[in-house]
Amino acid sequence: MIFEGFFGNDSLRQQLSLALQQDRLPHAVILEGPPGSGKRTLAQILARACVCTAQGERPCGVCPACVKAKAGSHPDIIVESGGTAARSFHVDAVRRVRSDAYIKPNEAARKVYCLFEAQTMSEQAQNALLKILEEPPEGILFILTCPSASALLPTIRSRSLILTLEPREQSGDHPEAQALAAQILRELPLPDESAVLKTCAPLIQNRELLRQVLDRLTMLFRDAAVLRAGGTSLTRDPSAQELARQLTRDRLLALTELSIQTRRRMDQNANNTLLVTVFCAQLRAVAGY
């Protein structure tokens, strides 16, 4: 799978990728984790992967199904959500889902129901959902998000695959990756074009470190773009603040996209030497140095 915009949680990614590749996804998945851990992002990625029509890594992001899914208009991805208050996810919403689930998918091989903030379901709503989890129709996937699966009935939990997401600040907290990313950013504007390439040399032989560095750079570029637009920093990293002072918002967004695309190519098993070399050259070009 291609996890665009979702960082860290490497073992969880591998588990989901393998399940999708082997067509062994269960009919219900619970994504639990603290606020900001990326539950909704991961749910959307998984939903898009299920409807994607690409033959290779999914979601490809470019097929008609992915385009519709990103726009929120794919007919086989249905979203229901609770509010911030307890019992704000009403039983009527679950009943609509339950009735619709028995209708065959419109375009994809599978219908996906994203049920966000599932912890706000009333007990009545959970019992209504349980009826379809006990005997689900073919080609159905329910994705529930909540801070903790313990907020759901034991009968719901027992019929679902529970995946726990690490807090984002922990999943991206790799000291070596942080240090390398910061060094890359310091060397980016230097006249010596080889400086960044020398710093990135260890990444050629270490794909896991490369993955972490790309995730870190993506986070910093995105944070800098937010700062440049007048928003509030999420990382509070001095590197992001310096980037926001040095580069325009358009360049920062282009750098974010470059890191995401490089990460995607790495996940598609591109040659590491070529990938790192091209990335270093493109970094300078996109930044305008």
Protein backbone atom coordinates (compact mmCIF):
# COMPACT_ATOMS: atom_id res chain seq x y z
CA MET A 1 0.00 0.00 0.00
CA ILE A 2 0.98 3.61 -0.52
CA PHE A 3 0.52 5.57 2.72
CA GLU A 4 0.57 9.13 1.42
CA GLY A 5 0.37 11.56 4.32
CA PHE A 6 0.45 8.87 7.01
CA PHE A 7 3.67 8.65 9.00
CA GLY A 8 5.33 6.11 11.26
CA ASN A 9 3.58 2.93 12.49
CA ASP A 10 5.75 0.79 10.23
CA SER A 11 4.63 -2.62 11.51
CA LEU A 12 0.99 -1.61 11.15
CA ARG A 13 1.65 -0.51 7.55
CA GLN A 14 3.24 -3.83 6.73
CA GLN A 15 0.31 -5.70 8.26
CA LEU A 16 -2.25 -3.77 6.25
CA SER A 17 -0.22 -3.96 3.02
CA LEU A 18 0.09 -7.72 3.30
CA ALA A 19 -3.60 -8.17 4.10
CA LEU A 20 -4.61 -6.08 1.10
CA GLN A 21 -2.13 -7.80 -1.21
CA GLN A 22 -3.36 -11.26 -0.18
CA ASP A 23 -7.01 -10.16 -0.18
CA ARG A 24 -7.30 -11.09 3.49
CA LEU A 25 -8.80 -7.92 4.91
CA PRO A 26 -11.47 -8.70 7.50
CA HIS A 27 -14.96 -7.25 7.21
CA ALA A 28 -14.37 -4.84 10.12
CA VAL A 29 -11.30 -2.90 11.28
CA ILE A 30 -11.07 -0.70 14.37
CA LEU A 31 -8.37 1.99 14.27
CA GLU A 32 -7.65 3.18 17.80
CA GLY A 33 -5.20 5.86 18.86
CA PRO A 34 -4.95 9.26 20.54
CA PRO A 35 -6.03 12.48 18.81
CA GLY A 36 -3.57 13.42 16.08
CA SER A 37 -2.30 9.88 15.52
CA GLY A 38 -3.71 9.78 11.97
CA LYS A 39 -6.71 7.47 12.39
CA ARG A 40 -8.91 9.32 9.90
CA THR A 41 -6.05 9.66 7.40
CA LEU A 42 -5.31 5.94 7.56
CA ALA A 43 -9.01 5.08 7.25
CA GLN A 44 -9.25 7.19 4.09
CA ILE A 45 -6.11 5.61 2.63
CA LEU A 46 -7.42 2.12 3.30
CA ALA A 47 -10.81 2.99 1.81
CA ARG A 48 -9.15 4.36 -1.35
CA ALA A 49 -6.93 1.27 -1.60
CA CYS A 50 -10.03 -0.94 -1.55
CA VAL A 51 -11.64 0.81 -4.53
CA CYS A 52 -8.42 1.57 -6.47
CA THR A 53 -8.26 -0.14 -9.87
CA ALA A 54 -4.46 -0.07 -10.29
CA GLN A 55 -2.61 -3.34 -10.82
CA GLY A 56 0.39 -2.36 -8.69
CA GLU A 57 0.62 -0.54 -5.36
CA ARG A 58 -2.64 0.90 -4.11
CA PRO A 59 -4.07 3.46 -3.77
CA CYS A 60 -2.35 4.77 -6.89
CA GLY A 61 -3.91 8.23 -6.60
CA VAL A 62 -4.41 8.65 -10.35
CA CYS A 63 -6.97 6.08 -11.52
CA PRO A 64 -10.58 7.33 -11.90
CA ALA A 65 -11.60 5.52 -8.71
CA CYS A 66 -8.84 7.21 -6.68
CA VAL A 67 -9.69 10.61 -8.14
CA LYS A 68 -13.34 10.17 -7.11
CA ALA A 69 -12.33 8.87 -3.67
CA LYS A 70 -10.04 11.84 -3.01
CA ALA A 71 -12.84 14.18 -4.06
CA GLY A 72 -15.23 12.42 -1.69
CA SER A 73 -17.52 11.34 -4.52
CA HIS A 74 -16.85 7.62 -4.89
CA PRO A 75 -20.22 5.85 -4.57
CA ASP A 76 -18.73 2.84 -2.76
CA ILE A 77 -17.10 4.80 0.07
CA ILE A 78 -19.70 5.86 2.62
CA VAL A 79 -18.80 8.07 5.58
CA GLU A 80 -20.75 8.49 8.81
CA SER A 81 -19.46 10.30 11.85
CA GLY A 82 -20.34 11.11 15.41
CA GLY A 83 -19.83 14.50 16.98
CA THR A 84 -17.89 15.52 20.05
CA ALA A 85 -20.57 14.61 22.57
CA ALA A 86 -21.33 11.16 23.94
CA ARG A 87 -24.08 9.28 22.08
CA SER A 88 -23.96 11.80 19.20
CA PHE A 89 -23.51 8.95 16.67
CA HIS A 90 -27.18 8.06 16.38
CA VAL A 91 -28.78 4.71 15.74
CA ASP A 92 -30.55 6.10 12.64
CA ALA A 93 -27.18 6.58 10.93
CA VAL A 94 -26.19 2.99 11.69
CA ARG A 95 -29.54 1.74 10.40
CA ARG A 96 -28.94 3.60 7.11
CA VAL A 97 -25.57 1.92 6.84
CA ARG A 98 -27.04 -1.46 7.65
CA SER A 99 -29.71 -1.16 4.96
CA ASP A 100 -27.26 0.10 2.35
CA ALA A 101 -24.73 -2.67 3.07
CA TYR A 102 -26.96 -5.28 1.47
CA ILE A 103 -26.96 -3.39 -1.85
CA LYS A 104 -24.14 -4.48 -4.16
CA PRO A 105 -21.26 -2.06 -4.82
CA ASN A 106 -21.82 0.42 -7.64
CA GLU A 107 -18.35 0.39 -9.20
CA ALA A 108 -15.76 -1.28 -6.97
CA ALA A 109 -15.42 -4.86 -5.82
CA ARG A 110 -16.00 -3.78 -2.23
CA LYS A 111 -18.07 -1.23 -0.35
CA VAL A 112 -16.29 0.62 2.43
CA TYR A 113 -18.03 2.26 5.38
CA CYS A 114 -15.92 4.73 7.36
CA LEU A 115 -17.48 5.23 10.78
CA PHE A 116 -15.54 8.04 12.43
CA GLU A 117 -15.68 8.79 16.17
CA ALA A 118 -17.29 5.40 16.81
CA GLN A 119 -16.85 5.87 20.56
CA THR A 120 -19.79 8.32 20.42
CA MET A 121 -22.19 5.58 19.28
CA SER A 122 -24.98 4.94 21.74
CA GLU A 123 -25.35 1.38 22.98
CA GLN A 124 -28.43 1.12 20.77
CA ALA A 125 -26.39 2.19 17.74
CA GLN A 126 -23.64 -0.31 18.54
CA ASN A 127 -26.16 -3.11 18.86
CA ALA A 128 -27.62 -2.13 15.50
CA LEU A 129 -24.14 -2.33 13.98
CA LEU A 130 -23.50 -5.66 15.67
CA LYS A 131 -26.36 -7.25 13.74
CA ILE A 132 -24.54 -6.78 10.44
CA LEU A 133 -21.09 -7.57 11.87
CA GLU A 134 -22.40 -10.96 12.96
CA GLU A 135 -23.45 -11.92 9.42
CA PRO A 136 -21.87 -9.42 7.00
CA PRO A 137 -22.65 -9.59 3.27
CA GLU A 138 -19.82 -10.24 0.80
CA GLY A 139 -17.63 -7.35 -0.31
CA ILE A 140 -18.03 -5.15 2.76
CA LEU A 141 -15.46 -3.38 4.91
CA PHE A 142 -16.30 -1.36 8.00
CA ILE A 143 -13.58 0.98 9.30
CA LEU A 144 -14.25 2.37 12.77
CA THR A 145 -12.06 5.02 14.40
CA CYS A 146 -11.93 5.80 18.11
CA PRO A 147 -9.38 6.83 20.75
CA SER A 148 -9.70 3.43 22.43
CA ALA A 149 -11.51 0.27 21.36
CA SER A 150 -12.46 -0.25 24.99
CA ALA A 151 -15.18 2.38 24.44
CA LEU A 152 -16.98 -0.13 22.18
CA LEU A 153 -18.99 -3.16 23.19
CA PRO A 154 -16.97 -6.37 23.66
CA THR A 155 -19.12 -7.99 20.97
CA ILE A 156 -18.10 -5.30 18.47
CA ARG A 157 -14.43 -5.71 19.38
CA SER A 158 -14.52 -9.49 19.09
CA ARG A 159 -15.75 -9.29 15.50
CA SER A 160 -13.17 -6.72 14.36
CA LEU A 161 -9.45 -6.45 13.74
CA ILE A 162 -8.14 -3.86 16.21
CA LEU A 163 -5.13 -1.82 15.07
CA THR A 164 -3.45 0.53 17.52
CA LEU A 165 -1.76 3.67 16.17
CA GLU A 166 1.16 5.23 17.96
CA PRO A 167 1.00 8.93 18.81
CA ARG A 168 2.33 10.88 15.86
CA GLU A 169 5.03 12.55 17.89
CA GLN A 170 6.31 9.12 18.97
CA SER A 171 6.00 7.43 15.59
CA GLY A 172 8.14 10.16 14.04
CA ASP A 173 10.58 10.37 16.94
CA HIS A 174 13.65 8.75 15.38
CA PRO A 175 16.71 10.69 16.60
CA GLU A 176 18.96 9.69 13.69
CA ALA A 177 16.29 10.54 11.12
CA GLN A 178 15.60 13.88 12.82
CA ALA A 179 19.31 14.74 12.86
CA LEU A 180 19.77 13.82 9.20
CA ALA A 181 16.69 15.76 8.11
CA ALA A 182 17.89 18.84 9.99
CA GLN A 183 21.36 18.54 8.44
CA ILE A 184 19.90 18.19 4.95
CA LEU A 185 17.90 21.38 5.45
CA ARG A 186 20.95 23.26 6.75
CA GLU A 187 23.02 22.21 3.74
CA LEU A 188 20.32 22.79 1.14
CA PRO A 189 21.19 26.47 0.44
CA LEU A 190 24.98 25.95 0.50
CA PRO A 191 26.94 26.63 -2.73
CA ASP A 192 28.47 23.13 -2.61
CA GLU A 193 25.86 21.01 -4.40
CA SER A 194 27.49 17.79 -3.23
CA ALA A 195 26.97 18.51 0.48
CA VAL A 196 23.39 17.20 0.58
CA LEU A 197 24.30 14.15 -1.47
CA LYS A 198 27.15 13.29 0.93
CA THR A 199 24.81 13.63 3.90
CA CYS A 200 22.26 11.37 2.22
CA ALA A 201 24.81 8.68 1.31
CA PRO A 202 23.93 6.45 4.32
CA LEU A 203 20.32 6.36 3.11
CA ILE A 204 21.31 4.40 0.00
CA GLN A 205 22.07 1.32 2.09
CA ASN A 206 19.39 1.84 4.73
CA ARG A 207 15.85 1.86 3.36
CA GLU A 208 14.25 2.10 6.80
CA LEU A 209 16.27 5.19 7.64
CA LEU A 210 15.41 6.65 4.23
CA ARG A 211 11.72 6.08 4.97
CA GLN A 212 12.03 7.87 8.31
CA VAL A 213 13.96 10.80 6.84
CA LEU A 214 11.41 11.26 4.05
CA ASP A 215 8.58 11.18 6.58
CA ARG A 216 10.38 13.74 8.71
CA LEU A 217 11.08 16.05 5.76
CA THR A 218 7.47 15.82 4.60
CA MET A 219 6.32 16.81 8.08
CA LEU A 220 8.73 19.75 8.24
CA PHE A 221 7.94 21.04 4.73
CA ARG A 222 4.21 20.84 5.43
CA ASP A 223 4.64 22.54 8.82
CA ALA A 224 6.69 25.33 7.24
CA ALA A 225 3.98 25.88 4.61
CA VAL A 226 1.40 26.22 7.37
CA LEU A 227 3.62 28.75 9.17
CA ARG A 228 4.19 30.67 5.94
CA ALA A 229 0.42 30.90 5.46
CA GLY A 230 0.01 32.33 8.95
CA GLY A 231 -0.97 29.13 10.72
CA THR A 232 0.33 27.53 13.89
CA SER A 233 3.28 25.12 13.91
CA LEU A 234 2.52 21.50 14.74
CA THR A 235 6.10 20.34 15.20
CA ARG A 236 7.52 23.53 16.74
CA ASP A 237 10.76 22.53 15.10
CA PRO A 238 13.24 25.39 14.45
CA SER A 239 13.97 23.86 11.03
CA ALA A 240 10.35 24.41 9.96
CA GLN A 241 10.45 27.98 11.24
CA GLU A 242 13.65 28.67 9.29
CA LEU A 243 12.17 27.16 6.13
CA ALA A 244 9.11 29.38 6.50
CA ARG A 245 11.38 32.43 6.61
CA GLN A 246 13.49 31.38 3.62
CA LEU A 247 11.03 29.94 1.10
CA THR A 248 7.69 30.86 -0.42
CA ARG A 249 4.57 28.88 0.33
CA ASP A 250 4.47 27.53 -3.24
CA ARG A 251 8.03 26.20 -2.96
CA LEU A 252 7.27 24.63 0.41
CA LEU A 253 4.19 22.88 -0.99
CA ALA A 254 6.25 21.68 -3.96
CA LEU A 255 8.90 20.31 -1.58
CA THR A 256 6.19 18.54 0.41
CA GLU A 257 4.91 16.90 -2.77
CA LEU A 258 8.46 15.94 -3.80
CA SER A 259 9.03 14.14 -0.48
CA ILE A 260 5.68 12.36 -0.72
CA GLN A 261 6.34 11.24 -4.31
CA THR A 262 9.84 10.02 -3.40
CA ARG A 263 8.38 8.07 -0.49
CA ARG A 264 5.84 6.56 -2.87
CA ARG A 265 8.57 5.49 -5.32
CA MET A 266 10.50 3.93 -2.45
CA ASP A 267 7.41 1.95 -1.43
CA GLN A 268 7.20 0.79 -5.06
CA ASN A 269 10.76 -0.62 -4.71
CA ALA A 270 12.57 1.91 -6.85
CA ASN A 271 16.37 1.58 -7.01
CA ASN A 272 17.69 3.19 -3.82
CA THR A 273 20.86 4.67 -5.30
CA LEU A 274 19.00 6.33 -8.15
CA LEU A 275 16.16 7.40 -5.85
CA VAL A 276 18.43 9.16 -3.35
CA THR A 277 20.56 10.79 -6.07
CA VAL A 278 17.57 12.18 -7.96
CA PHE A 279 15.89 13.31 -4.74
CA CYS A 280 18.94 15.32 -3.66
CA ALA A 281 19.14 17.04 -7.06
CA GLN A 282 15.43 17.78 -7.12
CA LEU A 283 15.47 19.15 -3.58
CA ARG A 284 17.81 21.97 -4.60
CA ALA A 285 15.94 22.65 -7.85
CA VAL A 286 12.50 22.80 -6.24
CA ALA A 287 13.79 24.96 -3.38
CA GLY A 288 15.28 27.33 -5.96
CA TYR A 289 18.94 26.94 -5.02
